[in-house]
Amino acid sequence: MILAEPHAALLNELHALAASGEFATNCLRMRATASHCLKAVDVAGTTLILPLQGQKRMRDGARELRCERGHLILVPGPRRLDMENIPDTDSGEYTAVAIAIHARDAGHGTQAGAGARPQRRQRGGEARPGVGA
């Protein structure tokens, strides 16, 4: 899914929310000021990732995906991924939000993968779940 420029206001609001650190427990904010690679990141369940500045590259085996500001990535379930976070050339920052989608959240009546959030720290970037993230 691509959020085109008519959705720029929504992207700006999400960016402000990411900067404020006021997130639900199933959300993760990712920020970086230097490009970096994360190898074999365990994603515990279905997750939506939305880059707000810069771009994210992901590899799942032989499949590779590049996602820029305004695009959504859906990780459909548990898996191990290689990820690269690349700051925006103008601002020098990479910012994204990730939202863990549980079966209960999707209206299925049960909760699968509770607390499933990828979490990694790398030099030049930060990733912190929950409030204050």
C-alpha atoms as a PDB file:
ATOM      1  CA  MET A   1       0.000   0.000   0.000  1.00  0.00           C
ATOM      2  CA  ILE A   2       1.316   3.446  -0.889  1.00  0.00           C
ATOM      3  CA  LEU A   3       0.253   6.558   1.000  1.00  0.00           C
ATOM      4  CA  ALA A   4       0.546   9.252  -1.652  1.00  0.00           C
ATOM      5  CA  GLU A   5       1.175  12.931  -1.032  1.00  0.00           C
ATOM      6  CA  PRO A   6      -2.512  13.649  -0.283  1.00  0.00           C
ATOM      7  CA  HIS A   7      -1.718  11.673   2.889  1.00  0.00           C
ATOM      8  CA  ALA A   8       1.251  13.889   3.748  1.00  0.00           C
ATOM      9  CA  ALA A   9      -0.665  15.359   6.704  1.00  0.00           C
ATOM     10  CA  LEU A  10      -1.187  11.859   8.142  1.00  0.00           C
ATOM     11  CA  LEU A  11       2.499  11.026   7.669  1.00  0.00           C
ATOM     12  CA  ASN A  12       3.470  14.285   9.390  1.00  0.00           C
ATOM     13  CA  GLU A  13       1.149  13.507  12.327  1.00  0.00           C
ATOM     14  CA  LEU A  14       2.624  10.002  12.645  1.00  0.00           C
ATOM     15  CA  HIS A  15       6.114  11.496  12.559  1.00  0.00           C
ATOM     16  CA  ALA A  16       5.170  13.912  15.368  1.00  0.00           C
ATOM     17  CA  LEU A  17       3.743  10.990  17.366  1.00  0.00           C
ATOM     18  CA  ALA A  18       6.959   9.019  16.827  1.00  0.00           C
ATOM     19  CA  ALA A  19       8.975  12.012  18.045  1.00  0.00           C
ATOM     20  CA  SER A  20       6.773  12.384  21.149  1.00  0.00           C
ATOM     21  CA  GLY A  21       7.355   8.810  22.292  1.00  0.00           C
ATOM     22  CA  GLU A  22       3.711   8.303  23.299  1.00  0.00           C
ATOM     23  CA  PHE A  23       3.021   4.820  21.948  1.00  0.00           C
ATOM     24  CA  ALA A  24       0.918   1.821  22.842  1.00  0.00           C
ATOM     25  CA  THR A  25       2.731  -1.291  24.027  1.00  0.00           C
ATOM     26  CA  ASN A  26       2.389  -3.011  20.638  1.00  0.00           C
ATOM     27  CA  CYS A  27       4.253  -0.199  18.821  1.00  0.00           C
ATOM     28  CA  LEU A  28       7.928   0.313  18.168  1.00  0.00           C
ATOM     29  CA  ARG A  29       9.689   3.489  17.053  1.00  0.00           C
ATOM     30  CA  MET A  30      12.873   3.158  15.011  1.00  0.00           C
ATOM     31  CA  ARG A  31      15.266   6.077  14.509  1.00  0.00           C
ATOM     32  CA  ALA A  32      18.726   6.280  12.994  1.00  0.00           C
ATOM     33  CA  THR A  33      21.144   8.947  11.834  1.00  0.00           C
ATOM     34  CA  ALA A  34      23.461   6.526  10.039  1.00  0.00           C
ATOM     35  CA  SER A  35      22.647   3.731   7.629  1.00  0.00           C
ATOM     36  CA  HIS A  36      22.917   0.354   9.315  1.00  0.00           C
ATOM     37  CA  CYS A  37      22.082  -3.309   8.708  1.00  0.00           C
ATOM     38  CA  LEU A  38      20.359  -5.624  11.155  1.00  0.00           C
ATOM     39  CA  LYS A  39      20.935  -9.320  10.481  1.00  0.00           C
ATOM     40  CA  ALA A  40      18.478 -12.070  11.383  1.00  0.00           C
ATOM     41  CA  VAL A  41      15.931  -9.885  13.209  1.00  0.00           C
ATOM     42  CA  ASP A  42      13.257 -12.091  14.780  1.00  0.00           C
ATOM     43  CA  VAL A  43       9.798 -10.730  14.017  1.00  0.00           C
ATOM     44  CA  ALA A  44       7.529 -12.692  16.357  1.00  0.00           C
ATOM     45  CA  GLY A  45       4.206 -12.081  14.606  1.00  0.00           C
ATOM     46  CA  THR A  46       2.251 -10.120  12.026  1.00  0.00           C
ATOM     47  CA  THR A  47       3.640  -6.578  11.926  1.00  0.00           C
ATOM     48  CA  LEU A  48       2.996  -3.378   9.948  1.00  0.00           C
ATOM     49  CA  ILE A  49       6.036  -1.158   9.310  1.00  0.00           C
ATOM     50  CA  LEU A  50       5.690   2.424   8.063  1.00  0.00           C
ATOM     51  CA  PRO A  51       8.845   4.420   7.241  1.00  0.00           C
ATOM     52  CA  LEU A  52       8.262   8.130   7.974  1.00  0.00           C
ATOM     53  CA  GLN A  53      11.720   9.390   6.899  1.00  0.00           C
ATOM     54  CA  GLY A  54      14.283   7.558   4.803  1.00  0.00           C
ATOM     55  CA  GLN A  55      13.836   4.029   3.539  1.00  0.00           C
ATOM     56  CA  LYS A  56      13.946   0.446   4.757  1.00  0.00           C
ATOM     57  CA  ARG A  57      15.305  -2.518   2.835  1.00  0.00           C
ATOM     58  CA  MET A  58      14.365  -6.016   3.935  1.00  0.00           C
ATOM     59  CA  ARG A  59      15.439  -9.471   2.845  1.00  0.00           C
ATOM     60  CA  ASP A  60      13.611 -12.716   3.564  1.00  0.00           C
ATOM     61  CA  GLY A  61      15.743 -15.442   2.028  1.00  0.00           C
ATOM     62  CA  ALA A  62      16.134 -14.602  -1.661  1.00  0.00           C
ATOM     63  CA  ARG A  63      13.286 -12.038  -1.664  1.00  0.00           C
ATOM     64  CA  GLU A  64      14.229  -8.393  -1.227  1.00  0.00           C
ATOM     65  CA  LEU A  65      11.942  -5.410  -0.634  1.00  0.00           C
ATOM     66  CA  ARG A  66      12.610  -1.665  -0.585  1.00  0.00           C
ATOM     67  CA  CYS A  67      10.142   0.590   1.182  1.00  0.00           C
ATOM     68  CA  GLU A  68      10.201   4.405   1.196  1.00  0.00           C
ATOM     69  CA  ARG A  69       8.308   7.082   3.127  1.00  0.00           C
ATOM     70  CA  GLY A  70       4.583   6.608   2.779  1.00  0.00           C
ATOM     71  CA  HIS A  71       4.732   2.918   1.873  1.00  0.00           C
ATOM     72  CA  LEU A  72       3.546   0.177   4.225  1.00  0.00           C
ATOM     73  CA  ILE A  73       5.289  -3.136   4.784  1.00  0.00           C
ATOM     74  CA  LEU A  74       3.219  -6.040   6.079  1.00  0.00           C
ATOM     75  CA  VAL A  75       5.267  -8.810   7.666  1.00  0.00           C
ATOM     76  CA  PRO A  76       2.620 -11.567   7.521  1.00  0.00           C
ATOM     77  CA  GLY A  77       3.805 -13.657  10.454  1.00  0.00           C
ATOM     78  CA  PRO A  78       6.768 -14.918  12.445  1.00  0.00           C
ATOM     79  CA  ARG A  79      10.030 -14.927  10.523  1.00  0.00           C
ATOM     80  CA  ARG A  80      13.675 -13.888  10.625  1.00  0.00           C
ATOM     81  CA  LEU A  81      14.581 -10.945   8.373  1.00  0.00           C
ATOM     82  CA  ASP A  82      17.647  -8.945   7.411  1.00  0.00           C
ATOM     83  CA  MET A  83      16.859  -5.213   7.516  1.00  0.00           C
ATOM     84  CA  GLU A  84      18.661  -2.058   6.467  1.00  0.00           C
ATOM     85  CA  ASN A  85      17.552   1.374   7.699  1.00  0.00           C
ATOM     86  CA  ILE A  86      18.704   4.227   5.465  1.00  0.00           C
ATOM     87  CA  PRO A  87      18.336   7.874   6.555  1.00  0.00           C
ATOM     88  CA  ASP A  88      16.664  10.442   4.300  1.00  0.00           C
ATOM     89  CA  THR A  89      19.224  12.307   2.191  1.00  0.00           C
ATOM     90  CA  ASP A  90      17.744  15.727   3.091  1.00  0.00           C
ATOM     91  CA  SER A  91      17.073  15.384   6.833  1.00  0.00           C
ATOM     92  CA  GLY A  92      19.801  12.841   7.615  1.00  0.00           C
ATOM     93  CA  GLU A  93      17.343  10.789   9.699  1.00  0.00           C
ATOM     94  CA  TYR A  94      15.554   7.477   9.389  1.00  0.00           C
ATOM     95  CA  THR A  95      12.305   7.222  11.346  1.00  0.00           C
ATOM     96  CA  ALA A  96       9.713   4.455  11.200  1.00  0.00           C
ATOM     97  CA  VAL A  97       6.968   2.961  13.305  1.00  0.00           C
ATOM     98  CA  ALA A  98       6.158  -0.735  13.584  1.00  0.00           C
ATOM     99  CA  ILE A  99       2.850  -2.005  14.911  1.00  0.00           C
ATOM    100  CA  ALA A 100       2.429  -5.613  16.054  1.00  0.00           C
ATOM    101  CA  ILE A 101      -0.941  -6.965  14.915  1.00  0.00           C
ATOM    102  CA  HIS A 102      -2.366  -9.618  17.227  1.00  0.00           C
ATOM    103  CA  ALA A 103      -5.219 -11.957  16.280  1.00  0.00           C
ATOM    104  CA  ARG A 104      -7.388 -10.308  18.966  1.00  0.00           C
ATOM    105  CA  ASP A 105      -6.686  -6.883  17.417  1.00  0.00           C
ATOM    106  CA  ALA A 106      -7.798  -8.210  14.037  1.00  0.00           C
ATOM    107  CA  GLY A 107     -11.132  -9.397  15.476  1.00  0.00           C
ATOM    108  CA  HIS A 108     -10.359 -13.127  15.634  1.00  0.00           C
ATOM    109  CA  GLY A 109     -11.194 -13.461  19.341  1.00  0.00           C
ATOM    110  CA  THR A 110      -7.830 -14.844  20.461  1.00  0.00           C
ATOM    111  CA  GLN A 111      -4.525 -13.199  21.047  1.00  0.00           C
ATOM    112  CA  ALA A 112      -1.579 -14.634  19.144  1.00  0.00           C
ATOM    113  CA  GLY A 113       1.968 -13.446  19.589  1.00  0.00           C
ATOM    114  CA  ALA A 114       1.314 -11.239  22.608  1.00  0.00           C
ATOM    115  CA  GLY A 115       4.127  -8.792  23.116  1.00  0.00           C
ATOM    116  CA  ALA A 116       5.574  -9.673  19.731  1.00  0.00           C
ATOM    117  CA  ARG A 117       7.778  -6.712  18.838  1.00  0.00           C
ATOM    118  CA  PRO A 118      11.110  -6.700  17.077  1.00  0.00           C
ATOM    119  CA  GLN A 119      13.717  -4.968  19.212  1.00  0.00           C
ATOM    120  CA  ARG A 120      17.306  -4.213  18.257  1.00  0.00           C
ATOM    121  CA  ARG A 121      19.848  -1.494  19.013  1.00  0.00           C
ATOM    122  CA  GLN A 122      22.638  -0.614  16.640  1.00  0.00           C
ATOM    123  CA  ARG A 123      25.294   2.065  16.587  1.00  0.00           C
ATOM    124  CA  GLY A 124      23.853   5.172  14.944  1.00  0.00           C
ATOM    125  CA  GLY A 125      20.254   4.198  15.660  1.00  0.00           C
ATOM    126  CA  GLU A 126      17.740   3.274  18.298  1.00  0.00           C
ATOM    127  CA  ALA A 127      14.740   0.995  18.554  1.00  0.00           C
ATOM    128  CA  ARG A 128      12.624   1.076  21.675  1.00  0.00           C
ATOM    129  CA  PRO A 129       9.185  -0.434  22.276  1.00  0.00           C
ATOM    130  CA  GLY A 130       6.312   1.051  24.247  1.00  0.00           C
ATOM    131  CA  VAL A 131       5.844   4.364  26.022  1.00  0.00           C
ATOM    132  CA  GLY A 132       8.825   6.665  25.789  1.00  0.00           C
ATOM    133  CA  ALA A 133       9.983   4.876  22.663  1.00  0.00           C
END
